[in-house]
Amino acid sequence: MPDLSDAECFDFLRSLFPEGVQEPRVVAELCPEGWERSPLFACLHPSAERRFEEHQAFSRNLRDLLRHRKAETEGDGADSEDRQALEECRTLEEYLAKYPREQPPLRPEASMEEPAELIGLCLWDVFSDNHDVIAADARCVDLGSFRGSGGMIADFFEASPWTTDEGRDEAWGAWDRCDYLRFYMGTCWIRGRADLTPVYELIFRRIRAVGGDWRYAFPRIHLIDFGAVETDEKPGDYDPSEAFAKEQQRKERAAKTRRMQRELDQSAREAMREARTKEPPEVVRAYQSVYGRFPEGWPPDPYA
């Protein structure tokens, strides 16, 4: 059975929030105590301590990446210049001195806009990230690629031409005029600042209310080898020695890609086995809370 069309996917989003996301009843359902008093407020307004923790984690990851790349190309780790650049802020005081941030007074409209923004980010987590939302007729609600999903969600928030009945199919692509980066990669950059389970529960309650379901996909990486860029060759330019060398390079590249994919697959299997021994992620716990069972795809099967 084919997936929902782009216009039908947009209609599905609208069926979840008929009055839009910046609607008092939606915000009240998510934050009955008020946005500023909600634990979710920290997602968009992290404390200085939290920002410092994220800075340290980013620096560690960047340092490890540099060390790995240098080990591959030069046979040694990050040099002293790299370490000096990446180990500047060792304390909270140093971090605040280098990256001061004054919190301006919260605008009155932020109490509606910011919870809606958070819902949009969590919508990406549910509808994208390789997961599948299933409509009541068993068709997949595929919003597109990671970028395309961010674009359609942005369109939904910006009341794009999708809100009209005429010329909908011709209107597809309008999200290029919107800021798809607003929701691209969902909560990737704010995850861990607060428990997002209530936001996912709000989304799943609406999906269930329209007869929909959801399939979970364990995060993993797949390599795509686009090959070397070939230059146009004119007749008579064929060189057997050069052709042989290119073929050898192609084989070596293919062997390296297969080796890297095997390593990634092994890492994925290890991560799956570890995940089975831990608490499910927030989005899975939210699904379980709403549907009373785990989604298809959880727990992950490392041998599938």
Protein backbone atom coordinates (compact mmCIF):
# COMPACT_ATOMS: atom_id res chain seq x y z
CA MET A 1 0.00 0.00 0.00
CA PRO A 2 1.49 3.39 -0.98
CA ASP A 3 2.37 6.01 1.61
CA LEU A 4 0.20 9.06 2.17
CA SER A 5 0.78 11.80 -0.35
CA ASP A 6 2.49 14.99 0.74
CA ALA A 7 -0.85 16.80 0.99
CA GLU A 8 -2.35 13.93 2.98
CA CYS A 9 0.63 13.98 5.36
CA PHE A 10 0.04 17.67 5.94
CA ASP A 11 -3.64 16.95 6.59
CA PHE A 12 -2.62 14.29 9.10
CA LEU A 13 -0.56 16.84 11.02
CA ARG A 14 -3.51 19.20 10.98
CA SER A 15 -5.81 16.46 12.25
CA LEU A 16 -3.59 16.17 15.33
CA PHE A 17 -3.78 19.91 16.07
CA PRO A 18 -6.88 21.27 14.28
CA GLU A 19 -6.54 24.70 15.90
CA GLY A 20 -2.78 24.79 15.56
CA VAL A 21 -0.09 24.19 18.14
CA GLN A 22 -0.06 27.70 19.59
CA GLU A 23 -3.47 27.12 21.10
CA PRO A 24 -4.24 27.71 24.80
CA ARG A 25 -5.76 24.28 25.37
CA VAL A 26 -2.72 22.54 23.90
CA VAL A 27 -0.32 24.57 26.03
CA ALA A 28 -2.48 24.03 29.13
CA GLU A 29 -2.49 20.29 28.50
CA LEU A 30 1.30 20.26 28.25
CA CYS A 31 2.01 22.77 31.02
CA PRO A 32 -0.94 22.93 33.43
CA GLU A 33 1.23 24.81 35.92
CA GLY A 34 2.21 27.42 33.31
CA TRP A 35 5.16 27.48 30.90
CA GLU A 36 7.61 29.33 33.14
CA ARG A 37 6.92 26.97 36.05
CA SER A 38 7.08 23.85 33.93
CA PRO A 39 10.16 21.59 34.07
CA LEU A 40 10.08 21.75 30.26
CA PHE A 41 10.98 25.45 30.45
CA ALA A 42 14.61 24.36 30.92
CA CYS A 43 14.64 22.89 27.41
CA LEU A 44 14.74 26.35 25.85
CA HIS A 45 16.18 28.19 28.84
CA PRO A 46 19.02 26.01 30.16
CA SER A 47 20.86 26.97 33.29
CA ALA A 48 24.46 28.14 33.17
CA GLU A 49 25.51 24.83 34.69
CA ARG A 50 23.72 22.89 31.98
CA ARG A 51 25.25 25.01 29.21
CA PHE A 52 28.69 24.40 30.70
CA GLU A 53 28.08 20.63 30.77
CA GLU A 54 27.06 20.70 27.11
CA HIS A 55 30.12 22.78 26.24
CA GLN A 56 32.38 20.24 27.93
CA ALA A 57 30.70 17.32 26.18
CA PHE A 58 31.01 19.04 22.80
CA SER A 59 34.69 19.80 23.43
CA ARG A 60 35.39 16.18 24.39
CA ASN A 61 33.66 14.85 21.29
CA LEU A 62 35.49 17.30 19.04
CA ARG A 63 38.82 16.45 20.65
CA ASP A 64 38.19 12.72 20.18
CA LEU A 65 37.28 13.30 16.55
CA LEU A 66 40.46 15.26 15.91
CA ARG A 67 42.54 12.62 17.64
CA HIS A 68 40.93 9.88 15.57
CA ARG A 69 41.45 11.73 12.29
CA LYS A 70 45.07 12.54 13.06
CA ALA A 71 45.73 8.94 14.08
CA GLU A 72 44.45 7.83 10.68
CA THR A 73 46.38 10.38 8.63
CA GLU A 74 49.54 10.98 10.65
CA GLY A 75 49.68 8.18 13.17
CA ASP A 76 49.45 10.36 16.26
CA GLY A 77 46.81 12.11 18.33
CA ALA A 78 45.73 15.71 18.71
CA ASP A 79 48.68 18.05 18.95
CA SER A 80 49.29 20.58 21.71
CA GLU A 81 47.68 23.37 19.71
CA ASP A 82 44.45 21.36 19.36
CA ARG A 83 44.44 20.51 23.07
CA GLN A 84 44.97 24.13 24.01
CA ALA A 85 42.09 25.23 21.81
CA LEU A 86 39.73 22.54 23.11
CA GLU A 87 40.53 22.65 26.81
CA GLU A 88 40.07 26.33 27.47
CA CYS A 89 37.01 26.35 29.73
CA ARG A 90 37.80 23.97 32.57
CA THR A 91 35.54 25.62 35.12
CA LEU A 92 32.11 27.19 35.13
CA GLU A 93 33.65 30.56 35.97
CA GLU A 94 35.94 30.39 32.93
CA TYR A 95 33.03 29.39 30.73
CA LEU A 96 30.79 32.24 31.90
CA ALA A 97 33.61 34.71 31.44
CA LYS A 98 34.14 33.55 27.86
CA TYR A 99 30.48 32.98 26.97
CA PRO A 100 28.37 35.37 29.06
CA ARG A 101 24.64 35.27 28.47
CA GLU A 102 22.07 37.58 29.95
CA GLN A 103 18.52 36.29 29.97
CA PRO A 104 16.17 39.03 28.72
CA PRO A 105 12.71 39.28 30.24
CA LEU A 106 10.34 36.68 28.81
CA ARG A 107 8.02 38.17 26.20
CA PRO A 108 4.29 37.68 26.95
CA GLU A 109 3.75 35.74 23.72
CA ALA A 110 6.58 33.34 24.61
CA SER A 111 4.26 31.43 26.95
CA MET A 112 2.48 30.19 23.79
CA GLU A 113 5.30 30.27 21.24
CA GLU A 114 7.93 28.37 23.20
CA PRO A 115 5.81 25.33 24.19
CA ALA A 116 4.69 25.15 20.56
CA GLU A 117 8.33 25.25 19.45
CA LEU A 118 9.11 22.34 21.76
CA ILE A 119 6.15 20.35 20.42
CA GLY A 120 7.43 20.95 16.89
CA LEU A 121 10.87 19.60 17.78
CA CYS A 122 9.29 16.51 19.34
CA LEU A 123 7.07 16.07 16.28
CA TRP A 124 10.25 15.68 14.26
CA ASP A 125 11.50 13.04 16.73
CA VAL A 126 8.28 11.05 16.30
CA PHE A 127 7.65 11.47 12.55
CA SER A 128 11.26 11.42 11.38
CA ASP A 129 14.50 9.92 12.75
CA ASN A 130 13.70 6.75 10.73
CA HIS A 131 10.55 6.01 12.77
CA ASP A 132 7.19 5.37 11.07
CA VAL A 133 3.84 6.91 11.92
CA ILE A 134 1.01 4.74 10.60
CA ALA A 135 -2.35 6.22 9.63
CA ALA A 136 -5.68 4.54 10.44
CA ASP A 137 -5.77 2.98 6.94
CA ALA A 138 -2.35 1.36 7.56
CA ARG A 139 -0.52 3.75 5.23
CA CYS A 140 2.72 5.37 6.34
CA VAL A 141 2.71 9.09 7.15
CA ASP A 142 6.08 9.80 5.52
CA LEU A 143 7.01 13.47 5.82
CA GLY A 144 10.12 12.91 3.71
CA SER A 145 13.82 13.01 4.47
CA PHE A 146 15.20 14.44 7.70
CA ARG A 147 15.31 17.82 5.96
CA GLY A 148 11.91 17.33 4.34
CA SER A 149 10.31 16.46 7.67
CA GLY A 150 11.69 19.64 9.20
CA GLY A 151 10.32 21.57 6.24
CA MET A 152 6.81 20.17 6.41
CA ILE A 153 6.61 20.75 10.17
CA ALA A 154 7.83 24.31 9.59
CA ASP A 155 5.14 24.73 6.94
CA PHE A 156 2.52 23.50 9.38
CA PHE A 157 3.65 26.07 11.94
CA GLU A 158 3.81 28.90 9.40
CA ALA A 159 0.30 28.37 7.93
CA SER A 160 1.73 27.76 4.45
CA PRO A 161 -0.29 27.41 1.21
CA TRP A 162 -1.18 23.89 2.39
CA THR A 163 -4.06 25.48 4.29
CA THR A 164 -5.99 25.94 1.05
CA ASP A 165 -7.75 23.17 -0.85
CA GLU A 166 -6.89 24.36 -4.37
CA GLY A 167 -3.50 23.72 -5.88
CA ARG A 168 -2.14 21.81 -2.94
CA ASP A 169 0.07 19.50 -4.94
CA GLU A 170 1.46 22.47 -6.84
CA ALA A 171 2.13 24.21 -3.54
CA TRP A 172 4.48 21.45 -2.36
CA GLY A 173 7.96 22.83 -2.05
CA ALA A 174 6.69 25.97 -0.35
CA TRP A 175 8.61 24.93 2.76
CA ASP A 176 11.80 25.95 0.97
CA ARG A 177 10.69 29.47 1.85
CA CYS A 178 10.38 28.50 5.51
CA ASP A 179 13.12 27.76 7.95
CA TYR A 180 13.32 23.97 7.86
CA LEU A 181 16.34 24.19 10.18
CA ARG A 182 13.94 25.36 12.86
CA PHE A 183 12.92 21.74 13.45
CA TYR A 184 15.68 19.84 11.65
CA MET A 185 17.07 17.01 13.82
CA GLY A 186 14.36 17.61 16.41
CA THR A 187 15.50 17.67 20.03
CA CYS A 188 19.08 16.63 19.21
CA TRP A 189 20.58 19.80 20.73
CA ILE A 190 18.33 20.08 23.79
CA ARG A 191 17.95 16.43 24.78
CA GLY A 192 18.75 15.82 28.43
CA ARG A 193 17.76 19.28 29.65
CA ALA A 194 14.40 17.97 30.86
CA ASP A 195 12.24 14.86 30.63
CA LEU A 196 10.48 15.12 27.27
CA THR A 197 8.09 12.24 27.97
CA PRO A 198 5.08 14.58 28.54
CA VAL A 199 5.55 16.15 25.11
CA TYR A 200 5.74 12.79 23.37
CA GLU A 201 2.69 11.60 25.31
CA LEU A 202 0.74 14.63 24.09
CA ILE A 203 1.64 13.76 20.49
CA PHE A 204 0.89 10.04 20.86
CA ARG A 205 -2.49 10.75 22.46
CA ARG A 206 -3.43 12.65 19.33
CA ILE A 207 -2.07 10.01 16.98
CA ARG A 208 -4.05 7.35 18.83
CA ALA A 209 -7.20 9.52 18.80
CA VAL A 210 -7.18 9.54 14.97
CA GLY A 211 -6.57 5.77 14.82
CA GLY A 212 -2.86 5.97 14.11
CA ASP A 213 0.09 3.97 15.36
CA TRP A 214 3.89 4.18 15.44
CA ARG A 215 6.91 1.98 14.72
CA TYR A 216 10.22 2.54 16.46
CA ALA A 217 13.58 2.40 14.67
CA PHE A 218 16.81 2.02 16.62
CA PRO A 219 19.30 4.75 15.59
CA ARG A 220 22.13 3.50 13.42
CA ILE A 221 24.44 4.66 10.65
CA HIS A 222 24.58 3.34 7.10
CA LEU A 223 27.35 4.29 4.72
CA ILE A 224 26.66 5.47 1.18
CA ASP A 225 29.60 5.43 -1.21
CA PHE A 226 28.98 7.85 -4.05
CA GLY A 227 32.24 6.84 -5.69
CA ALA A 228 34.92 8.98 -7.18
CA VAL A 229 34.00 11.92 -9.41
CA GLU A 230 34.69 10.92 -13.00
CA THR A 231 35.96 13.45 -15.50
CA ASP A 232 34.77 13.46 -19.09
CA GLU A 233 37.15 11.60 -21.33
CA LYS A 234 37.48 12.33 -25.02
CA PRO A 235 37.82 9.56 -27.59
CA GLY A 236 41.40 8.42 -27.80
CA ASP A 237 42.22 9.42 -24.21
CA TYR A 238 42.03 5.84 -22.92
CA ASP A 239 45.16 4.80 -21.07
CA PRO A 240 45.31 1.11 -20.01
CA SER A 241 47.69 1.81 -17.13
CA GLU A 242 45.53 4.64 -15.83
CA ALA A 243 42.38 2.54 -16.20
CA PHE A 244 43.99 -0.31 -14.27
CA ALA A 245 45.05 2.08 -11.50
CA LYS A 246 41.53 3.52 -11.27
CA GLU A 247 40.03 0.04 -11.06
CA GLN A 248 42.40 -0.86 -8.24
CA GLN A 249 41.47 2.34 -6.42
CA ARG A 250 37.78 1.52 -6.87
CA LYS A 251 38.26 -1.96 -5.42
CA GLU A 252 40.26 -0.63 -2.48
CA ARG A 253 37.61 2.01 -1.83
CA ALA A 254 34.83 -0.59 -1.99
CA ALA A 255 36.72 -2.89 0.39
CA LYS A 256 37.27 -0.02 2.83
CA THR A 257 33.57 0.91 2.68
CA ARG A 258 32.54 -2.70 3.38
CA ARG A 259 34.98 -2.88 6.28
CA MET A 260 33.68 0.35 7.78
CA GLN A 261 30.07 -0.80 7.38
CA ARG A 262 30.86 -4.07 9.14
CA GLU A 263 32.38 -2.09 12.01
CA LEU A 264 29.30 0.15 12.16
CA ASP A 265 26.99 -2.86 12.11
CA GLN A 266 28.94 -4.47 14.94
CA SER A 267 28.76 -1.24 16.96
CA ALA A 268 25.01 -1.07 16.30
CA ARG A 269 24.52 -4.65 17.51
CA GLU A 270 26.47 -3.90 20.68
CA ALA A 271 24.43 -0.73 21.24
CA MET A 272 21.20 -2.70 20.77
CA ARG A 273 22.25 -5.34 23.27
CA GLU A 274 23.13 -2.60 25.75
CA ALA A 275 19.83 -0.79 25.13
CA ARG A 276 17.89 -3.95 26.00
CA THR A 277 19.38 -3.85 29.51
CA LYS A 278 18.42 -0.22 30.16
CA GLU A 279 15.28 1.84 30.53
CA PRO A 280 13.60 2.54 27.16
CA PRO A 281 14.14 6.01 25.70
CA GLU A 282 11.66 8.74 26.56
CA VAL A 283 9.77 8.47 23.27
CA VAL A 284 9.24 4.72 23.78
CA ARG A 285 8.13 5.21 27.39
CA ALA A 286 5.63 7.83 26.21
CA TYR A 287 4.23 5.43 23.61
CA GLN A 288 3.90 2.70 26.23
CA SER A 289 2.11 5.09 28.57
CA VAL A 290 -0.46 6.00 25.90
CA TYR A 291 -0.92 2.67 24.10
CA GLY A 292 -0.33 0.33 27.04
CA ARG A 293 2.33 -1.65 25.17
CA PHE A 294 5.71 -1.23 23.55
CA PRO A 295 5.78 -0.11 19.91
CA GLU A 296 6.81 -2.41 17.13
CA GLY A 297 10.60 -2.25 16.94
CA TRP A 298 11.19 -2.18 20.68
CA PRO A 299 13.12 -3.80 22.21
CA PRO A 300 15.62 -3.71 19.34
CA ASP A 301 16.76 -7.03 17.91
CA PRO A 302 20.54 -7.04 17.38
CA TYR A 303 20.25 -10.13 15.17
CA ALA A 304 17.47 -8.98 12.86
